[in-house]
Amino acid sequence: MHRIKLTINGKAFEHEVDSRLLLVHYLREKGRLTGTHVGCDTGNCGACTVIFNGKAVKSCMILAVQANGAVITTIEGMAENGLHPIQESFMDKFAVQCGYCTPGMIMSAYGLLAENADPSDKEIREAIEGNLCMCTGYQQIIDAIGDAAKKLERTKP
């Protein structure tokens, strides 16, 4: 067992964890943050994507012990007063079907837009290439991320 301390959505967490516990399971079980979905535990689907020290990562590919000292944002931590503009854009552009991939897609978009305020469609496609969606066909998601970039640009002071 290992004691870890980390910050999730601005809140401090500290727990004893098994060496083999994946971060995605830590978030869901210890943090009670079930918006981070478990789709594969092999890094293939992207449903578990979170922001880890400023970068979009698949939390099923990181051990909880590796997150010691990390700052993590999950889908639950995005919105402070109502929906985040990325979440709004996913709704506005009908980029949500069954919803299973949506949190991971939104977190990948969040990571992209934090680094690139005006991505091209090609850059958006590259940013979400590790996220699988079986329902939308991706075009609505690409449109939503482009729309979110415009909304975020308008909200800058």
N, C-alpha and C. Protein backbone atom coordinates (compact mmCIF):
# COMPACT_ATOMS: atom_id res chain seq x y z
N MET A 1 0.84 -1.19 0.00
CA MET A 1 0.00 0.00 0.00
C MET A 1 0.89 1.25 0.00
N HIS A 2 0.39 2.27 -0.65
CA HIS A 2 1.10 3.54 -0.77
C HIS A 2 0.15 4.68 -0.42
N ARG A 3 0.64 5.65 0.30
CA ARG A 3 -0.15 6.84 0.60
C ARG A 3 0.09 7.85 -0.50
N ILE A 4 -1.00 8.32 -1.09
CA ILE A 4 -0.88 9.36 -2.12
C ILE A 4 -1.70 10.58 -1.72
N LYS A 5 -1.24 11.72 -2.20
CA LYS A 5 -1.93 13.00 -2.03
C LYS A 5 -2.03 13.63 -3.41
N LEU A 6 -3.21 14.09 -3.76
CA LEU A 6 -3.39 14.76 -5.04
C LEU A 6 -4.54 15.74 -4.94
N THR A 7 -4.64 16.59 -5.94
CA THR A 7 -5.72 17.58 -5.99
C THR A 7 -6.60 17.24 -7.17
N ILE A 8 -7.89 17.07 -6.89
CA ILE A 8 -8.85 16.75 -7.94
C ILE A 8 -9.95 17.81 -7.92
N ASN A 9 -10.10 18.49 -9.03
CA ASN A 9 -11.11 19.55 -9.15
C ASN A 9 -11.00 20.57 -8.02
N GLY A 10 -9.77 20.88 -7.66
CA GLY A 10 -9.51 21.89 -6.64
C GLY A 10 -9.60 21.40 -5.21
N LYS A 11 -9.88 20.14 -5.01
CA LYS A 11 -10.03 19.58 -3.66
C LYS A 11 -8.89 18.60 -3.37
N ALA A 12 -8.35 18.68 -2.16
CA ALA A 12 -7.26 17.79 -1.76
C ALA A 12 -7.81 16.40 -1.40
N PHE A 13 -7.10 15.38 -1.88
CA PHE A 13 -7.43 13.98 -1.58
C PHE A 13 -6.17 13.31 -1.05
N GLU A 14 -6.37 12.41 -0.10
CA GLU A 14 -5.26 11.62 0.44
C GLU A 14 -5.80 10.25 0.83
N HIS A 15 -5.18 9.20 0.30
CA HIS A 15 -5.62 7.84 0.57
C HIS A 15 -4.45 6.86 0.50
N GLU A 16 -4.64 5.72 1.13
CA GLU A 16 -3.77 4.57 0.95
C GLU A 16 -4.30 3.81 -0.26
N VAL A 17 -3.42 3.49 -1.20
CA VAL A 17 -3.86 2.77 -2.40
C VAL A 17 -2.94 1.59 -2.68
N ASP A 18 -3.50 0.60 -3.30
CA ASP A 18 -2.75 -0.56 -3.76
C ASP A 18 -1.87 -0.14 -4.94
N SER A 19 -0.75 -0.77 -5.09
CA SER A 19 0.20 -0.44 -6.16
C SER A 19 -0.41 -0.58 -7.55
N ARG A 20 -1.37 -1.46 -7.71
CA ARG A 20 -1.92 -1.76 -9.03
C ARG A 20 -3.20 -0.99 -9.35
N LEU A 21 -3.67 -0.16 -8.44
CA LEU A 21 -4.92 0.57 -8.67
C LEU A 21 -4.72 1.60 -9.78
N LEU A 22 -5.58 1.54 -10.78
CA LEU A 22 -5.53 2.52 -11.87
C LEU A 22 -6.17 3.84 -11.42
N LEU A 23 -5.66 4.93 -11.97
CA LEU A 23 -6.19 6.25 -11.62
C LEU A 23 -7.68 6.35 -11.90
N VAL A 24 -8.15 5.78 -13.00
CA VAL A 24 -9.58 5.85 -13.31
C VAL A 24 -10.41 5.24 -12.19
N HIS A 25 -9.95 4.13 -11.63
CA HIS A 25 -10.70 3.49 -10.54
C HIS A 25 -10.58 4.30 -9.25
N TYR A 26 -9.43 4.91 -9.03
CA TYR A 26 -9.28 5.79 -7.87
C TYR A 26 -10.28 6.94 -7.95
N LEU A 27 -10.36 7.57 -9.12
CA LEU A 27 -11.28 8.70 -9.30
C LEU A 27 -12.73 8.29 -9.04
N ARG A 28 -13.10 7.13 -9.54
CA ARG A 28 -14.48 6.67 -9.41
C ARG A 28 -14.79 6.17 -8.00
N GLU A 29 -13.85 5.42 -7.41
CA GLU A 29 -14.11 4.78 -6.12
C GLU A 29 -13.81 5.70 -4.93
N LYS A 30 -12.64 6.29 -4.89
CA LYS A 30 -12.26 7.15 -3.77
C LYS A 30 -12.80 8.57 -3.93
N GLY A 31 -12.77 9.08 -5.16
CA GLY A 31 -13.23 10.44 -5.41
C GLY A 31 -14.72 10.53 -5.69
N ARG A 32 -15.35 9.39 -5.95
CA ARG A 32 -16.78 9.35 -6.28
C ARG A 32 -17.10 10.20 -7.50
N LEU A 33 -16.16 10.24 -8.44
CA LEU A 33 -16.28 11.03 -9.66
C LEU A 33 -16.57 10.09 -10.82
N THR A 34 -17.82 9.72 -10.97
CA THR A 34 -18.19 8.70 -11.93
C THR A 34 -18.40 9.23 -13.35
N GLY A 35 -18.17 10.51 -13.56
CA GLY A 35 -18.21 11.05 -14.91
C GLY A 35 -17.03 10.58 -15.74
N THR A 36 -15.97 10.17 -15.09
CA THR A 36 -14.82 9.58 -15.77
C THR A 36 -15.17 8.12 -16.00
N HIS A 37 -15.45 7.76 -17.24
CA HIS A 37 -15.96 6.43 -17.55
C HIS A 37 -14.86 5.40 -17.74
N VAL A 38 -15.19 4.16 -17.46
CA VAL A 38 -14.31 3.02 -17.71
C VAL A 38 -14.84 2.32 -18.95
N GLY A 39 -14.08 2.37 -20.01
CA GLY A 39 -14.51 1.72 -21.24
C GLY A 39 -13.65 0.54 -21.61
N CYS A 40 -12.37 0.53 -21.15
CA CYS A 40 -11.51 -0.53 -21.64
C CYS A 40 -10.35 -0.92 -20.72
N ASP A 41 -9.83 -0.05 -19.91
CA ASP A 41 -8.62 -0.30 -19.09
C ASP A 41 -7.39 -0.62 -19.93
N THR A 42 -7.42 -0.30 -21.22
CA THR A 42 -6.28 -0.56 -22.08
C THR A 42 -5.87 0.66 -22.90
N GLY A 43 -6.50 1.80 -22.67
CA GLY A 43 -6.14 3.02 -23.38
C GLY A 43 -6.67 3.12 -24.79
N ASN A 44 -7.60 2.25 -25.15
CA ASN A 44 -8.10 2.24 -26.53
C ASN A 44 -9.28 3.17 -26.79
N CYS A 45 -10.10 3.46 -25.76
CA CYS A 45 -11.35 4.16 -26.06
C CYS A 45 -11.36 5.64 -25.68
N GLY A 46 -10.60 6.06 -24.69
CA GLY A 46 -10.54 7.47 -24.30
C GLY A 46 -11.68 7.94 -23.41
N ALA A 47 -12.58 7.04 -23.01
CA ALA A 47 -13.71 7.44 -22.17
C ALA A 47 -13.26 7.93 -20.80
N CYS A 48 -12.04 7.60 -20.41
CA CYS A 48 -11.53 7.95 -19.09
C CYS A 48 -10.62 9.18 -19.11
N THR A 49 -10.62 9.94 -20.18
CA THR A 49 -9.71 11.08 -20.32
C THR A 49 -9.98 12.15 -19.25
N VAL A 50 -8.90 12.60 -18.64
CA VAL A 50 -8.93 13.67 -17.65
C VAL A 50 -7.78 14.62 -17.96
N ILE A 51 -7.77 15.76 -17.29
CA ILE A 51 -6.64 16.69 -17.40
C ILE A 51 -5.73 16.39 -16.21
N PHE A 52 -4.51 16.02 -16.50
CA PHE A 52 -3.51 15.59 -15.51
C PHE A 52 -2.33 16.54 -15.63
N ASN A 53 -2.16 17.38 -14.62
CA ASN A 53 -1.09 18.39 -14.65
C ASN A 53 -1.10 19.18 -15.96
N GLY A 54 -2.30 19.56 -16.39
CA GLY A 54 -2.44 20.42 -17.55
C GLY A 54 -2.55 19.73 -18.89
N LYS A 55 -2.45 18.41 -18.94
CA LYS A 55 -2.49 17.67 -20.21
C LYS A 55 -3.62 16.66 -20.19
N ALA A 56 -4.26 16.47 -21.33
CA ALA A 56 -5.28 15.44 -21.46
C ALA A 56 -4.61 14.07 -21.50
N VAL A 57 -5.00 13.19 -20.59
CA VAL A 57 -4.44 11.85 -20.53
C VAL A 57 -5.56 10.84 -20.28
N LYS A 58 -5.29 9.60 -20.63
CA LYS A 58 -6.22 8.51 -20.36
C LYS A 58 -5.90 7.96 -18.96
N SER A 59 -6.86 8.13 -18.06
CA SER A 59 -6.60 7.76 -16.66
C SER A 59 -6.54 6.26 -16.44
N CYS A 60 -6.90 5.45 -17.42
CA CYS A 60 -6.74 4.00 -17.29
C CYS A 60 -5.31 3.57 -17.59
N MET A 61 -4.50 4.50 -18.04
CA MET A 61 -3.10 4.19 -18.38
C MET A 61 -2.13 4.69 -17.31
N ILE A 62 -2.66 5.21 -16.22
CA ILE A 62 -1.84 5.77 -15.14
C ILE A 62 -2.23 5.07 -13.84
N LEU A 63 -1.24 4.64 -13.11
CA LEU A 63 -1.50 4.08 -11.79
C LEU A 63 -1.78 5.22 -10.82
N ALA A 64 -2.62 4.96 -9.86
CA ALA A 64 -2.93 5.99 -8.86
C ALA A 64 -1.66 6.45 -8.15
N VAL A 65 -0.72 5.55 -7.89
CA VAL A 65 0.53 5.95 -7.21
C VAL A 65 1.34 6.91 -8.07
N GLN A 66 1.19 6.84 -9.38
CA GLN A 66 1.89 7.77 -10.27
C GLN A 66 1.28 9.17 -10.21
N ALA A 67 0.07 9.26 -9.69
CA ALA A 67 -0.62 10.55 -9.59
C ALA A 67 -0.30 11.28 -8.30
N ASN A 68 0.53 10.72 -7.47
CA ASN A 68 0.90 11.39 -6.22
C ASN A 68 1.43 12.79 -6.52
N GLY A 69 0.81 13.79 -5.92
CA GLY A 69 1.21 15.18 -6.12
C GLY A 69 0.59 15.85 -7.33
N ALA A 70 -0.19 15.12 -8.11
CA ALA A 70 -0.76 15.65 -9.35
C ALA A 70 -1.96 16.56 -9.08
N VAL A 71 -2.24 17.38 -10.09
CA VAL A 71 -3.44 18.21 -10.12
C VAL A 71 -4.28 17.69 -11.28
N ILE A 72 -5.50 17.27 -10.96
CA ILE A 72 -6.36 16.61 -11.94
C ILE A 72 -7.68 17.36 -12.04
N THR A 73 -8.16 17.48 -13.28
CA THR A 73 -9.50 18.01 -13.52
C THR A 73 -10.28 16.92 -14.23
N THR A 74 -11.47 16.65 -13.72
CA THR A 74 -12.38 15.70 -14.36
C THR A 74 -13.55 16.48 -14.97
N ILE A 75 -14.41 15.77 -15.65
CA ILE A 75 -15.58 16.40 -16.25
C ILE A 75 -16.41 17.15 -15.20
N GLU A 76 -16.46 16.62 -13.98
CA GLU A 76 -17.22 17.28 -12.92
C GLU A 76 -16.59 18.61 -12.50
N GLY A 77 -15.31 18.77 -12.72
CA GLY A 77 -14.62 19.99 -12.31
C GLY A 77 -14.58 21.09 -13.35
N MET A 78 -15.14 20.85 -14.52
CA MET A 78 -15.09 21.85 -15.59
C MET A 78 -16.00 23.05 -15.36
N ALA A 79 -17.20 22.78 -14.94
CA ALA A 79 -18.20 23.85 -14.83
C ALA A 79 -18.19 24.44 -13.43
N GLU A 80 -18.07 25.73 -13.34
CA GLU A 80 -18.10 26.39 -12.03
C GLU A 80 -19.48 26.99 -11.78
N ASN A 81 -19.98 27.74 -12.72
CA ASN A 81 -21.31 28.36 -12.61
C ASN A 81 -22.08 28.03 -13.88
N GLY A 82 -22.69 26.88 -13.91
CA GLY A 82 -23.36 26.42 -15.12
C GLY A 82 -22.40 25.64 -15.98
N LEU A 83 -22.83 25.32 -17.18
CA LEU A 83 -22.01 24.52 -18.07
C LEU A 83 -20.82 25.31 -18.60
N HIS A 84 -19.73 24.62 -18.82
CA HIS A 84 -18.55 25.19 -19.47
C HIS A 84 -18.90 25.39 -20.95
N PRO A 85 -18.31 26.36 -21.63
CA PRO A 85 -18.60 26.57 -23.05
C PRO A 85 -18.39 25.33 -23.92
N ILE A 86 -17.46 24.47 -23.58
CA ILE A 86 -17.27 23.24 -24.36
C ILE A 86 -18.49 22.33 -24.18
N GLN A 87 -18.97 22.21 -22.95
CA GLN A 87 -20.15 21.40 -22.70
C GLN A 87 -21.37 21.97 -23.44
N GLU A 88 -21.51 23.29 -23.41
CA GLU A 88 -22.60 23.95 -24.14
C GLU A 88 -22.54 23.64 -25.63
N SER A 89 -21.34 23.73 -26.18
CA SER A 89 -21.18 23.50 -27.62
C SER A 89 -21.51 22.06 -27.99
N PHE A 90 -21.17 21.11 -27.13
CA PHE A 90 -21.52 19.72 -27.42
C PHE A 90 -23.04 19.56 -27.48
N MET A 91 -23.74 20.27 -26.63
CA MET A 91 -25.21 20.22 -26.67
C MET A 91 -25.73 20.96 -27.91
N ASP A 92 -25.22 22.16 -28.14
CA ASP A 92 -25.70 22.99 -29.25
C ASP A 92 -25.49 22.33 -30.62
N LYS A 93 -24.41 21.59 -30.77
CA LYS A 93 -24.06 20.97 -32.06
C LYS A 93 -24.47 19.50 -32.14
N PHE A 94 -25.25 19.05 -31.17
CA PHE A 94 -25.75 17.67 -31.15
C PHE A 94 -24.61 16.64 -31.21
N ALA A 95 -23.57 16.92 -30.43
CA ALA A 95 -22.40 16.04 -30.40
C ALA A 95 -22.52 14.96 -29.33
N VAL A 96 -23.72 14.78 -28.82
CA VAL A 96 -23.96 13.79 -27.78
C VAL A 96 -25.02 12.83 -28.29
N GLN A 97 -24.70 11.56 -28.31
CA GLN A 97 -25.70 10.55 -28.66
C GLN A 97 -25.97 9.72 -27.41
N CYS A 98 -25.29 8.58 -27.27
CA CYS A 98 -25.51 7.76 -26.07
C CYS A 98 -24.86 8.41 -24.85
N GLY A 99 -23.82 9.21 -25.07
CA GLY A 99 -23.17 9.94 -23.99
C GLY A 99 -22.00 9.24 -23.33
N TYR A 100 -21.75 7.99 -23.67
CA TYR A 100 -20.69 7.28 -22.97
C TYR A 100 -19.31 7.88 -23.24
N CYS A 101 -19.04 8.25 -24.46
CA CYS A 101 -17.73 8.82 -24.80
C CYS A 101 -17.63 10.30 -24.48
N THR A 102 -18.76 10.94 -24.23
CA THR A 102 -18.82 12.40 -24.13
C THR A 102 -17.86 13.00 -23.11
N PRO A 103 -17.80 12.51 -21.86
CA PRO A 103 -16.86 13.12 -20.92
C PRO A 103 -15.41 13.07 -21.41
N GLY A 104 -15.00 11.95 -21.97
CA GLY A 104 -13.64 11.84 -22.49
C GLY A 104 -13.39 12.76 -23.66
N MET A 105 -14.38 12.87 -24.55
CA MET A 105 -14.26 13.77 -25.70
C MET A 105 -14.15 15.22 -25.22
N ILE A 106 -14.99 15.59 -24.28
CA ILE A 106 -14.97 16.95 -23.75
C ILE A 106 -13.63 17.25 -23.08
N MET A 107 -13.10 16.30 -22.34
CA MET A 107 -11.81 16.53 -21.67
C MET A 107 -10.68 16.61 -22.68
N SER A 108 -10.73 15.83 -23.75
CA SER A 108 -9.73 15.96 -24.82
C SER A 108 -9.83 17.32 -25.48
N ALA A 109 -11.06 17.78 -25.70
CA ALA A 109 -11.27 19.12 -26.27
C ALA A 109 -10.74 20.20 -25.34
N TYR A 110 -10.99 20.03 -24.06
CA TYR A 110 -10.50 20.97 -23.04
C TYR A 110 -8.98 21.07 -23.10
N GLY A 111 -8.33 19.92 -23.17
CA GLY A 111 -6.86 19.90 -23.26
C GLY A 111 -6.36 20.57 -24.52
N LEU A 112 -7.02 20.30 -25.65
CA LEU A 112 -6.64 20.92 -26.92
C LEU A 112 -6.79 22.42 -26.86
N LEU A 113 -7.96 22.89 -26.42
CA LEU A 113 -8.23 24.32 -26.44
C LEU A 113 -7.39 25.10 -25.42
N ALA A 114 -6.90 24.42 -24.41
CA ALA A 114 -5.98 25.06 -23.46
C ALA A 114 -4.63 25.34 -24.12
N GLU A 115 -4.27 24.53 -25.10
CA GLU A 115 -2.99 24.68 -25.80
C GLU A 115 -3.12 25.45 -27.11
N ASN A 116 -4.29 25.34 -27.75
CA ASN A 116 -4.48 25.90 -29.08
C ASN A 116 -5.87 26.52 -29.12
N ALA A 117 -5.95 27.83 -29.03
CA ALA A 117 -7.24 28.53 -28.95
C ALA A 117 -8.02 28.53 -30.26
N ASP A 118 -7.35 28.27 -31.38
CA ASP A 118 -8.01 28.31 -32.69
C ASP A 118 -7.55 27.14 -33.54
N PRO A 119 -7.93 25.91 -33.15
CA PRO A 119 -7.46 24.75 -33.90
C PRO A 119 -8.19 24.57 -35.22
N SER A 120 -7.48 24.02 -36.19
CA SER A 120 -8.10 23.65 -37.47
C SER A 120 -8.86 22.34 -37.27
N ASP A 121 -9.70 22.00 -38.23
CA ASP A 121 -10.41 20.72 -38.16
C ASP A 121 -9.42 19.57 -38.07
N LYS A 122 -8.31 19.66 -38.79
CA LYS A 122 -7.29 18.62 -38.75
C LYS A 122 -6.70 18.49 -37.34
N GLU A 123 -6.43 19.63 -36.71
CA GLU A 123 -5.88 19.60 -35.34
C GLU A 123 -6.90 19.05 -34.35
N ILE A 124 -8.17 19.35 -34.56
CA ILE A 124 -9.22 18.80 -33.70
C ILE A 124 -9.27 17.29 -33.87
N ARG A 125 -9.26 16.83 -35.11
CA ARG A 125 -9.29 15.39 -35.38
C ARG A 125 -8.10 14.69 -34.71
N GLU A 126 -6.94 15.29 -34.79
CA GLU A 126 -5.75 14.70 -34.17
C GLU A 126 -5.89 14.66 -32.65
N ALA A 127 -6.47 15.69 -32.07
CA ALA A 127 -6.62 15.76 -30.61
C ALA A 127 -7.58 14.70 -30.07
N ILE A 128 -8.57 14.32 -30.88
CA ILE A 128 -9.55 13.33 -30.40
C ILE A 128 -9.34 11.95 -31.01
N GLU A 129 -8.23 11.75 -31.70
CA GLU A 129 -8.03 10.46 -32.37
C GLU A 129 -7.96 9.29 -31.39
N GLY A 130 -7.66 9.54 -30.14
CA GLY A 130 -7.63 8.48 -29.14
C GLY A 130 -8.94 8.28 -28.41
N ASN A 131 -9.99 8.96 -28.86
CA ASN A 131 -11.32 8.83 -28.25
C ASN A 131 -12.27 8.18 -29.26
N LEU A 132 -12.84 7.08 -28.87
CA LEU A 132 -13.76 6.37 -29.75
C LEU A 132 -15.21 6.78 -29.49
N CYS A 133 -15.94 6.95 -30.58
CA CYS A 133 -17.38 7.23 -30.50
C CYS A 133 -18.06 6.30 -31.50
N MET A 134 -19.04 5.57 -31.04
CA MET A 134 -19.75 4.64 -31.90
C MET A 134 -21.06 5.22 -32.44
N CYS A 135 -21.42 6.42 -32.00
CA CYS A 135 -22.75 6.94 -32.33
C CYS A 135 -22.76 8.14 -33.28
N THR A 136 -21.87 9.11 -33.11
CA THR A 136 -22.04 10.38 -33.80
C THR A 136 -21.41 10.46 -35.17
N GLY A 137 -20.43 9.64 -35.46
CA GLY A 137 -19.74 9.79 -36.72
C GLY A 137 -18.70 10.90 -36.68
N TYR A 138 -18.47 11.49 -35.53
CA TYR A 138 -17.41 12.46 -35.25
C TYR A 138 -17.64 13.87 -35.79
N GLN A 139 -18.36 14.07 -36.87
CA GLN A 139 -18.47 15.41 -37.44
C GLN A 139 -19.10 16.39 -36.46
N GLN A 140 -20.14 15.96 -35.74
CA GLN A 140 -20.77 16.85 -34.76
C GLN A 140 -19.79 17.21 -33.65
N ILE A 141 -18.94 16.26 -33.28
CA ILE A 141 -17.94 16.51 -32.23
C ILE A 141 -16.93 17.54 -32.72
N ILE A 142 -16.47 17.39 -33.94
CA ILE A 142 -15.51 18.34 -34.51
C ILE A 142 -16.14 19.72 -34.59
N ASP A 143 -17.39 19.77 -35.03
CA ASP A 143 -18.11 21.05 -35.10
C ASP A 143 -18.26 21.67 -33.70
N ALA A 144 -18.55 20.84 -32.71
CA ALA A 144 -18.73 21.34 -31.34
C ALA A 144 -17.43 21.92 -30.79
N ILE A 145 -16.32 21.27 -31.06
CA ILE A 145 -15.04 21.77 -30.55
C ILE A 145 -14.67 23.08 -31.24
N GLY A 146 -14.92 23.18 -32.55
CA GLY A 146 -14.69 24.44 -33.25
C GLY A 146 -15.57 25.56 -32.72
N ASP A 147 -16.82 25.23 -32.44
CA ASP A 147 -17.75 26.20 -31.86
C ASP A 147 -17.29 26.64 -30.47
N ALA A 148 -16.83 25.68 -29.68
CA ALA A 148 -16.35 26.00 -28.33
C ALA A 148 -15.15 26.94 -28.39
N ALA A 149 -14.27 26.72 -29.35
CA ALA A 149 -13.11 27.61 -29.50
C ALA A 149 -13.57 29.05 -29.72
N LYS A 150 -14.60 29.23 -30.56
CA LYS A 150 -15.13 30.57 -30.82
C LYS A 150 -15.77 31.16 -29.57
N LYS A 151 -16.53 30.35 -28.83
CA LYS A 151 -17.16 30.83 -27.60
C LYS A 151 -16.11 31.25 -26.57
N LEU A 152 -15.07 30.44 -26.44
CA LEU A 152 -14.02 30.75 -25.46
C LEU A 152 -13.26 32.01 -25.86
N GLU A 153 -13.07 32.22 -27.14
CA GLU A 153 -12.38 33.42 -27.62
C GLU A 153 -13.20 34.67 -27.28
N ARG A 154 -14.52 34.57 -27.39
CA ARG A 154 -15.40 35.69 -27.09
C ARG A 154 -15.43 36.01 -25.59
N THR A 155 -15.16 35.04 -24.76
CA THR A 155 -15.23 35.26 -23.30
C THR A 155 -13.92 35.78 -22.73
N LYS A 156 -12.86 35.83 -23.53
CA LYS A 156 -11.58 36.35 -23.03
C LYS A 156 -11.68 37.84 -22.78
N PRO A 157 -11.09 38.30 -21.67
CA PRO A 157 -11.13 39.74 -21.37
C PRO A 157 -10.31 40.57 -22.32
